[in-house]
Every structure is written in structure tokens, then in C-alpha cells.
Amino acid sequence: MSRLEERYRLVLRLLPAAYRQQWEDDMVAAFLDSMDNDDPETAAYIADYGRPSLAEVASIVSLAVRLRLGGPDAPARSYAWGQAVRLATLMAMLTQAVMVTASVAVALWLSGKIAWLPAPAPAWALTPSGSIWHTAWNLAGYAWLPAYIALVLGHRRVAQAVALLAIVPPAVTTAVEQAAGDVPLSVTPWALRLIDVVLVLAMAVFHRDAPPVPRRPWLLAIPIGILLVPLPLFAIQATSQAPRLLDWPGLSCAMVAAAIAVHLAGRAPRQPARTLPWSLALTLLAAATLALRIVTLPDYIDQAQRTTLVTIAATEVIAVLAMALPLARRAIRALHRLPPIPADAQRPTTPTE
């Protein structure tokens, strides 16, 4: 076996094992034929130092996503995981869209642009930013709303492109400010950017085989979400100091724990198979939220209220675990009752489609 074939077979390990068992040899043979060269020296060089092209790797990744995270015509286990990742992505995107939409309304109120509302207290008055980086940060964050709408309407590539506008400027801002010493080094901004990147990559599950997103409920979820989370939170924060101890990872923990509690109180215990995608989706969100909460704990070291903050963070972790562990156990049991992905679940029209 040549080094080129070894590298290609390594990429093929992204595919399900049963699928590889049936189609791997055919795909390898087709790939090696496409790399064949009439010049013996060139052919020997390619065999030793050649690698699958980025287009070839992207094609295999696309096939792996469709096999492992399939649509309605896919095997039950593949479809359940596909729906779970799609639901988790939509919920995460919805959270971003809700928060930025509410922040626009709050900014208009604080700047005195909404005359029919009471004037804000002087302590809440907005001051113009003297840094172009802060301006870029604020404007970039608003891109999550059109990205979410584009995803719901079925324009996945547009949603990914627009979401990048919400990621790149904040990343550049964080790098410049931390390098210049304008802000202390911290983990939280980079952890949030990493989650944003994962969110953009997760949009790949909205592939051509995936079912369309129900538009009406997911679009109505924006105003409902604003009424349930950011506006009450802002109103409480304006009158109390306690909510200011709740940072974004902490707020994420609270929202995920509440969502799981509502889910468990509904039909999940009585209809685990029917609600399996939602259970898996909330489990994925709980895992991501716990990871975010844990990796951002070092930012509390230099805080004056670090003992209080660490105690609150520990409480948040315990609350999410208390909700997520029973849910995950129930979801895994329901998932194991489903048949696995068979070898002939989906045959590509070309060897590396």
C-alpha cells in the first residue's frame, strides 16, 4: 500500500464503519485511478508524497455529514442525530439573534430614540465609543440576526457567510486589544469565538437531504424569546446589582437548565422516541455550555469578587448537570433502541460525492 493510499484511507475513516466496509475499496480504486500518471517518476513521487486534494477531502466530509446526520430518508439513528444537531444549531442561532435584536432596542432606548418610553437613568446613558474596534464589535454582532433568518429560510450558505461577519471583527478586536494591553488577557472572548466557529461549521447539517426548517415557529421564536429573556433580564439588572454577577457563560447555563427542565416536564418521559432529537439537542447544548463555563473560570482569578463568582459558577455547573444527566441517560437508551446505519444506507452517485 502506497503512502498516498494510506492517506486517502485515513480520510475515509470519517465515514461510518459499515459504509466503509462495503464501499471503501471501490472508492480507493477510483481515487487512485484519478491520480494515475503516465510518467513513472511522477507516479512514484505522487505515490510517496501525494495527498488527497482539498476538494476530495471536502467531498468525503460532505458525504460523511449526510450519512451520519441524515434527513428523513436516512436510517433512524442517522436521522435522529441529524435532527439533534440541526435543532441545537437553530437554538444556538436563535439565542444569538434574540440577544442582538434586544440589544438594538435597548441601545435605541438608552440613546433617547424611543420617546414613548421613560427616559433611562443617567447612569445608563450611552457614551460614544472612541475606538473603531469597539464600533466594529458592536456592528458585527448584529449580523447574527440576518444569519439566523437566512438559515430558517433555507439559505444555508448565505447564513454561514453572514455569520462570519459576526465572528471576524470581534476576533480581530480581541487580538489587537489584548496585544496592546488595553484589556487584560482573558479566556472568555476566545472561548466565545470558538463556539461561534463551531456554530458556523454546524450549519453544514442543513444539507440538501435535510428537511426544511419550519419557518413560522422559528421566526415567531424571536419576539417570544426577547420577551422571555433579554428584556426581563435588563429590567432586573437596571434595578439590582445581583444580575451583574451573571456573565454570558452563566446566563447560558441558566437558559439551558431551564430549557431542559421544561423539556423533562413535557412529553419526554412518556414518549422518548418521539422527543429523542430534542433530548439529544439539549444534551449537546448542555455539554457545550458546561465546557464554556469551565474553561472561562480562570478569568475570575483577578476579580475582586472571585469567591462569589466561583461559587455562583459552581452552582451553575451543578444545576446544568442535575438537569442534563437524567436527560442524557434517557436519550441514550432511546437511541440504542434505533437500528444503526446500514452499509448500504446511501450510495454516492460518484465515488467521492
Protein backbone atom coordinates (compact mmCIF):
# COMPACT_ATOMS: atom_id res chain seq x y z
CA MET A 1 0.00 0.00 0.00
CA SER A 2 1.41 3.40 -1.03
CA ARG A 3 1.58 6.39 1.27
CA LEU A 4 -0.99 8.12 -0.94
CA GLU A 5 -3.45 5.27 -0.45
CA GLU A 6 -2.82 5.29 3.31
CA ARG A 7 -3.61 9.00 3.49
CA TYR A 8 -6.78 8.56 1.47
CA ARG A 9 -7.97 5.64 3.60
CA LEU A 10 -7.30 7.75 6.67
CA VAL A 11 -9.68 10.41 5.33
CA LEU A 12 -12.26 7.72 4.57
CA ARG A 13 -12.40 6.87 8.27
CA LEU A 14 -14.74 9.84 8.58
CA LEU A 15 -17.41 7.62 7.01
CA PRO A 16 -19.44 5.12 9.08
CA ALA A 17 -17.68 1.77 9.54
CA ALA A 18 -20.44 -0.27 7.89
CA TYR A 19 -20.43 2.03 4.87
CA ARG A 20 -16.64 1.82 4.56
CA GLN A 21 -16.76 -1.96 4.70
CA GLN A 22 -18.88 -2.06 1.56
CA TRP A 23 -17.62 0.90 -0.48
CA GLU A 24 -14.10 1.73 0.70
CA ASP A 25 -12.22 -0.44 -1.81
CA ASP A 26 -14.25 0.91 -4.74
CA MET A 27 -13.67 4.49 -3.63
CA VAL A 28 -9.94 3.90 -3.16
CA ALA A 29 -9.63 2.29 -6.60
CA ALA A 30 -11.46 5.19 -8.26
CA PHE A 31 -9.30 7.73 -6.42
CA LEU A 32 -6.03 6.02 -7.34
CA ASP A 33 -7.13 5.81 -10.98
CA SER A 34 -7.78 9.56 -10.97
CA MET A 35 -4.26 10.15 -9.62
CA ASP A 36 -2.56 7.82 -12.12
CA ASN A 37 0.19 9.37 -14.22
CA ASP A 38 1.92 8.04 -17.36
CA ASP A 39 5.33 9.27 -16.24
CA PRO A 40 6.86 6.59 -13.93
CA GLU A 41 8.90 9.12 -11.93
CA THR A 42 5.91 11.41 -11.40
CA ALA A 43 3.73 8.45 -10.50
CA ALA A 44 6.28 7.24 -7.93
CA TYR A 45 6.55 10.73 -6.43
CA ILE A 46 2.77 11.04 -6.14
CA ALA A 47 2.55 7.60 -4.56
CA ASP A 48 5.03 8.62 -1.85
CA TYR A 49 4.28 12.31 -1.32
CA GLY A 50 0.85 12.89 -2.83
CA ARG A 51 -2.18 13.76 -0.75
CA PRO A 52 -5.90 13.92 -1.41
CA SER A 53 -6.87 17.38 -2.65
CA LEU A 54 -8.92 19.75 -0.56
CA ALA A 55 -11.84 19.21 -2.94
CA GLU A 56 -11.55 15.44 -2.45
CA VAL A 57 -11.46 15.79 1.33
CA ALA A 58 -14.38 18.24 1.29
CA SER A 59 -16.37 15.76 -0.81
CA ILE A 60 -15.77 12.98 1.71
CA VAL A 61 -16.62 15.26 4.63
CA SER A 62 -19.87 16.22 2.89
CA LEU A 63 -20.73 12.55 2.36
CA ALA A 64 -19.89 11.77 6.00
CA VAL A 65 -22.19 14.54 7.21
CA ARG A 66 -25.04 13.27 5.05
CA LEU A 67 -24.52 9.68 6.23
CA ARG A 68 -24.11 10.38 9.93
CA LEU A 69 -26.53 13.32 10.15
CA GLY A 70 -29.11 12.44 7.56
CA GLY A 71 -32.55 13.60 6.54
CA PRO A 72 -35.98 11.92 6.67
CA ASP A 73 -34.95 9.18 4.21
CA ALA A 74 -31.87 8.24 6.24
CA PRO A 75 -31.77 5.40 8.80
CA ALA A 76 -33.48 6.17 12.09
CA ARG A 77 -30.29 6.65 14.11
CA SER A 78 -28.70 8.88 11.47
CA TYR A 79 -31.87 10.96 11.21
CA ALA A 80 -32.13 11.34 14.99
CA TRP A 81 -28.58 12.66 15.23
CA GLY A 82 -29.10 14.90 12.22
CA GLN A 83 -32.23 16.42 13.71
CA ALA A 84 -30.47 16.83 17.05
CA VAL A 85 -27.59 18.81 15.58
CA ARG A 86 -29.98 20.87 13.45
CA LEU A 87 -32.15 21.69 16.46
CA ALA A 88 -29.13 22.53 18.61
CA THR A 89 -27.78 24.80 15.87
CA LEU A 90 -31.12 26.54 15.46
CA MET A 91 -31.48 27.08 19.21
CA ALA A 92 -27.97 28.49 19.48
CA MET A 93 -28.54 30.75 16.48
CA LEU A 94 -31.91 31.81 17.92
CA THR A 95 -30.22 32.80 21.18
CA GLN A 96 -27.73 34.95 19.30
CA ALA A 97 -30.47 36.56 17.20
CA VAL A 98 -32.66 37.25 20.24
CA MET A 99 -29.88 38.86 22.23
CA VAL A 100 -28.65 41.13 19.42
CA THR A 101 -32.20 42.14 18.49
CA ALA A 102 -32.93 43.06 22.09
CA SER A 103 -29.64 44.94 22.32
CA VAL A 104 -30.69 47.10 19.36
CA ALA A 105 -33.93 48.05 21.13
CA VAL A 106 -32.11 48.72 24.39
CA ALA A 107 -29.49 50.85 22.61
CA LEU A 108 -32.24 52.93 20.96
CA TRP A 109 -33.90 53.44 24.34
CA LEU A 110 -30.66 54.41 26.08
CA SER A 111 -29.86 56.88 23.32
CA GLY A 112 -33.29 58.52 23.71
CA LYS A 113 -34.60 57.40 20.31
CA ILE A 114 -37.75 55.77 21.73
CA ALA A 115 -39.68 58.77 23.01
CA TRP A 116 -42.72 56.89 24.32
CA LEU A 117 -40.62 55.01 26.89
CA PRO A 118 -39.47 56.61 30.17
CA ALA A 119 -36.05 58.20 29.96
CA PRO A 120 -33.25 55.96 31.29
CA ALA A 121 -31.38 56.86 34.44
CA PRO A 122 -28.25 58.98 33.91
CA ALA A 123 -26.07 56.05 34.96
CA TRP A 124 -27.32 54.09 31.95
CA ALA A 125 -26.67 56.81 29.36
CA LEU A 126 -24.68 55.66 26.35
CA THR A 127 -21.30 57.23 25.69
CA PRO A 128 -19.94 57.22 22.14
CA SER A 129 -17.11 54.75 21.69
CA GLY A 130 -13.76 56.34 20.98
CA SER A 131 -12.39 53.17 19.40
CA ILE A 132 -13.13 51.93 15.92
CA TRP A 133 -12.59 48.41 17.25
CA HIS A 134 -15.46 48.74 19.72
CA THR A 135 -17.67 50.10 16.94
CA ALA A 136 -16.77 47.16 14.71
CA TRP A 137 -17.53 44.78 17.58
CA ASN A 138 -20.99 46.23 18.13
CA LEU A 139 -21.93 46.33 14.47
CA ALA A 140 -20.57 42.85 13.75
CA GLY A 141 -22.67 41.26 16.46
CA TYR A 142 -25.88 42.36 14.75
CA ALA A 143 -25.06 40.03 11.83
CA TRP A 144 -26.38 37.08 13.84
CA LEU A 145 -29.97 38.20 13.22
CA PRO A 146 -29.87 38.12 9.38
CA ALA A 147 -27.76 34.94 9.58
CA TYR A 148 -30.47 33.24 11.64
CA ILE A 149 -33.23 34.42 9.32
CA ALA A 150 -31.30 33.20 6.27
CA LEU A 151 -30.84 29.78 7.88
CA VAL A 152 -34.54 29.48 8.72
CA LEU A 153 -35.47 30.48 5.17
CA GLY A 154 -33.24 27.73 3.77
CA HIS A 155 -30.23 29.77 2.62
CA ARG A 156 -27.53 27.90 4.49
CA ARG A 157 -24.50 29.24 2.62
CA VAL A 158 -25.75 32.81 2.97
CA ALA A 159 -26.24 32.23 6.70
CA GLN A 160 -22.68 30.93 7.04
CA ALA A 161 -21.24 33.88 5.14
CA VAL A 162 -23.19 36.44 7.16
CA ALA A 163 -22.31 34.71 10.44
CA LEU A 164 -18.62 35.10 9.61
CA LEU A 165 -19.18 38.87 9.72
CA ALA A 166 -20.17 38.43 13.36
CA ILE A 167 -17.04 36.42 14.15
CA VAL A 168 -14.07 38.01 12.38
CA PRO A 169 -14.27 41.63 13.65
CA PRO A 170 -14.64 40.63 17.32
CA ALA A 171 -11.73 38.20 16.95
CA VAL A 172 -9.54 40.91 15.45
CA THR A 173 -10.68 43.37 18.13
CA THR A 174 -9.83 40.95 20.93
CA ALA A 175 -6.41 40.17 19.48
CA VAL A 176 -5.49 43.84 18.99
CA GLU A 177 -6.73 45.00 22.39
CA GLN A 178 -5.10 42.16 24.31
CA ALA A 179 -1.83 42.56 22.40
CA ALA A 180 -1.81 46.32 23.08
CA GLY A 181 -2.63 45.80 26.74
CA ASP A 182 -5.86 47.81 26.51
CA VAL A 183 -7.73 44.93 28.13
CA PRO A 184 -6.39 42.12 30.34
CA LEU A 185 -5.73 38.71 28.87
CA SER A 186 -8.81 36.54 29.26
CA VAL A 187 -10.17 33.25 28.03
CA THR A 188 -13.83 34.19 27.64
CA PRO A 189 -13.66 36.14 24.34
CA TRP A 190 -11.71 33.36 22.64
CA ALA A 191 -13.97 30.64 24.01
CA LEU A 192 -16.98 32.51 22.64
CA ARG A 193 -15.33 32.91 19.23
CA LEU A 194 -14.53 29.19 19.17
CA ILE A 195 -18.16 28.34 19.85
CA ASP A 196 -19.18 30.76 17.09
CA VAL A 197 -16.88 28.97 14.64
CA VAL A 198 -18.32 25.59 15.65
CA LEU A 199 -21.79 27.05 15.10
CA VAL A 200 -20.89 28.11 11.56
CA LEU A 201 -19.49 24.67 10.80
CA ALA A 202 -22.57 23.02 12.31
CA MET A 203 -24.74 24.73 9.69
CA ALA A 204 -23.42 22.10 7.27
CA VAL A 205 -26.06 19.71 8.67
CA PHE A 206 -28.67 21.72 6.76
CA HIS A 207 -27.63 19.89 3.59
CA ARG A 208 -29.75 19.03 0.58
CA ASP A 209 -31.14 15.87 2.19
CA ALA A 210 -32.18 17.66 5.38
CA PRO A 211 -35.85 18.54 5.92
CA PRO A 212 -36.75 22.23 5.55
CA VAL A 213 -36.90 24.29 8.71
CA PRO A 214 -40.49 25.09 9.83
CA ARG A 215 -40.40 28.84 9.21
CA ARG A 216 -43.34 30.13 11.22
CA PRO A 217 -42.43 28.76 14.69
CA TRP A 218 -38.74 29.58 14.39
CA LEU A 219 -39.41 33.13 13.21
CA LEU A 220 -42.06 33.69 15.91
CA ALA A 221 -39.49 32.48 18.42
CA ILE A 222 -37.54 35.73 18.03
CA PRO A 223 -40.12 38.12 19.60
CA ILE A 224 -41.15 35.45 22.12
CA GLY A 225 -37.54 34.93 23.13
CA ILE A 226 -36.98 38.67 23.53
CA LEU A 227 -39.96 38.91 25.87
CA LEU A 228 -38.83 35.91 27.91
CA VAL A 229 -35.08 36.52 28.35
CA PRO A 230 -33.23 39.76 27.47
CA LEU A 231 -35.85 42.36 28.28
CA PRO A 232 -36.71 40.96 31.76
CA LEU A 233 -33.01 40.48 32.41
CA PHE A 234 -32.26 44.09 31.50
CA ALA A 235 -35.14 45.36 33.62
CA ILE A 236 -33.90 43.41 36.64
CA GLN A 237 -30.33 44.46 36.02
CA ALA A 238 -31.35 48.11 35.92
CA THR A 239 -32.74 47.88 39.44
CA SER A 240 -30.42 45.35 41.10
CA GLN A 241 -26.70 44.63 41.29
CA ALA A 242 -27.07 40.84 41.61
CA PRO A 243 -27.68 40.03 37.90
CA ARG A 244 -24.41 41.75 37.01
CA LEU A 245 -22.63 38.78 38.57
CA LEU A 246 -24.18 36.58 35.83
CA ASP A 247 -21.87 36.64 32.80
CA TRP A 248 -22.65 35.12 29.40
CA PRO A 249 -21.48 31.57 30.30
CA GLY A 250 -23.57 31.78 33.47
CA LEU A 251 -26.60 33.05 31.59
CA SER A 252 -26.15 30.23 29.07
CA CYS A 253 -26.14 27.70 31.91
CA ALA A 254 -29.33 29.17 33.31
CA MET A 255 -31.11 29.11 29.95
CA VAL A 256 -30.04 25.56 29.12
CA ALA A 257 -31.03 24.26 32.56
CA ALA A 258 -34.44 25.95 32.25
CA ALA A 259 -34.96 24.55 28.74
CA ILE A 260 -34.13 21.02 29.89
CA ALA A 261 -36.47 21.37 32.87
CA VAL A 262 -39.32 22.39 30.56
CA HIS A 263 -38.49 19.52 28.21
CA LEU A 264 -38.44 16.94 31.00
CA ALA A 265 -41.72 18.25 32.34
CA GLY A 266 -43.35 17.75 28.95
CA ARG A 267 -43.68 14.61 26.87
CA ALA A 268 -40.09 13.38 27.11
CA PRO A 269 -40.64 10.80 29.89
CA ARG A 270 -43.69 9.30 28.16
CA GLN A 271 -42.57 9.47 24.52
CA PRO A 272 -38.76 9.16 24.49
CA ALA A 273 -38.55 8.02 20.85
CA ARG A 274 -40.67 10.90 19.55
CA THR A 275 -38.80 13.53 21.51
CA LEU A 276 -35.37 11.94 21.03
CA PRO A 277 -34.00 14.66 18.68
CA TRP A 278 -34.91 17.37 21.19
CA SER A 279 -33.37 15.38 24.03
CA LEU A 280 -30.14 14.89 22.09
CA ALA A 281 -30.09 18.54 21.04
CA LEU A 282 -30.46 19.80 24.59
CA THR A 283 -27.79 17.34 25.74
CA LEU A 284 -25.40 18.72 23.13
CA LEU A 285 -26.15 22.27 24.23
CA ALA A 286 -25.64 21.30 27.87
CA ALA A 287 -22.24 19.79 27.07
CA ALA A 288 -21.17 22.90 25.15
CA THR A 289 -22.42 25.19 27.91
CA LEU A 290 -20.61 23.23 30.62
CA ALA A 291 -17.38 23.34 28.59
CA LEU A 292 -17.75 27.11 28.15
CA ARG A 293 -18.43 27.61 31.85
CA ILE A 294 -15.44 25.52 32.93
CA VAL A 295 -12.83 26.94 30.54
CA THR A 296 -13.76 30.53 31.43
CA LEU A 297 -13.28 30.04 35.19
CA PRO A 298 -9.62 31.26 35.09
CA ASP A 299 -10.92 34.75 34.24
CA TYR A 300 -12.20 35.02 37.80
CA ILE A 301 -8.74 34.79 39.38
CA ASP A 302 -8.06 38.53 39.29
CA GLN A 303 -11.63 39.58 40.09
CA ALA A 304 -12.34 41.34 43.39
CA GLN A 305 -15.43 39.14 43.88
CA ARG A 306 -13.73 35.93 42.75
CA THR A 307 -15.01 33.84 45.67
CA THR A 308 -18.60 34.84 44.99
CA LEU A 309 -18.17 34.38 41.26
CA VAL A 310 -16.63 30.92 41.62
CA THR A 311 -19.42 29.89 43.98
CA ILE A 312 -22.03 31.07 41.50
CA ALA A 313 -20.23 29.26 38.67
CA ALA A 314 -20.13 26.02 40.67
CA THR A 315 -23.86 26.36 41.31
CA GLU A 316 -24.45 26.85 37.59
CA VAL A 317 -22.46 23.73 36.74
CA ILE A 318 -24.34 21.66 39.32
CA ALA A 319 -27.70 22.94 38.03
CA VAL A 320 -26.89 22.00 34.43
CA LEU A 321 -25.55 18.58 35.42
CA ALA A 322 -28.62 17.90 37.54
CA MET A 323 -30.82 18.54 34.53
CA ALA A 324 -28.62 17.14 31.76
CA LEU A 325 -27.56 13.79 33.22
CA PRO A 326 -31.08 12.30 33.51
CA LEU A 327 -31.91 13.66 30.08
CA ALA A 328 -28.76 12.22 28.51
CA ARG A 329 -29.37 8.81 30.09
CA ARG A 330 -32.93 8.73 28.75
CA ALA A 331 -31.79 9.89 25.30
CA ILE A 332 -29.04 7.26 25.07
CA ARG A 333 -31.49 4.50 25.97
CA ALA A 334 -33.92 5.66 23.29
CA LEU A 335 -31.07 5.98 20.77
CA HIS A 336 -29.87 2.42 21.37
CA ARG A 337 -33.33 1.12 20.50
CA LEU A 338 -32.93 2.51 16.98
CA PRO A 339 -31.20 0.45 14.25
CA PRO A 340 -27.66 1.58 13.33
CA ILE A 341 -26.64 2.95 9.95
CA PRO A 342 -26.53 0.02 7.48
CA ALA A 343 -23.75 -0.40 4.98
CA ASP A 344 -25.96 0.48 2.02
CA ALA A 345 -27.65 3.45 3.70
CA GLN A 346 -26.63 5.81 0.95
CA ARG A 347 -24.50 5.14 -2.08
CA PRO A 348 -22.87 8.21 -3.68
CA THR A 349 -23.54 8.76 -7.37
CA THR A 350 -19.77 9.19 -7.77
CA PRO A 351 -17.10 7.50 -5.64
CA THR A 352 -16.43 10.63 -3.62
CA GLU A 353 -19.65 12.60 -3.87
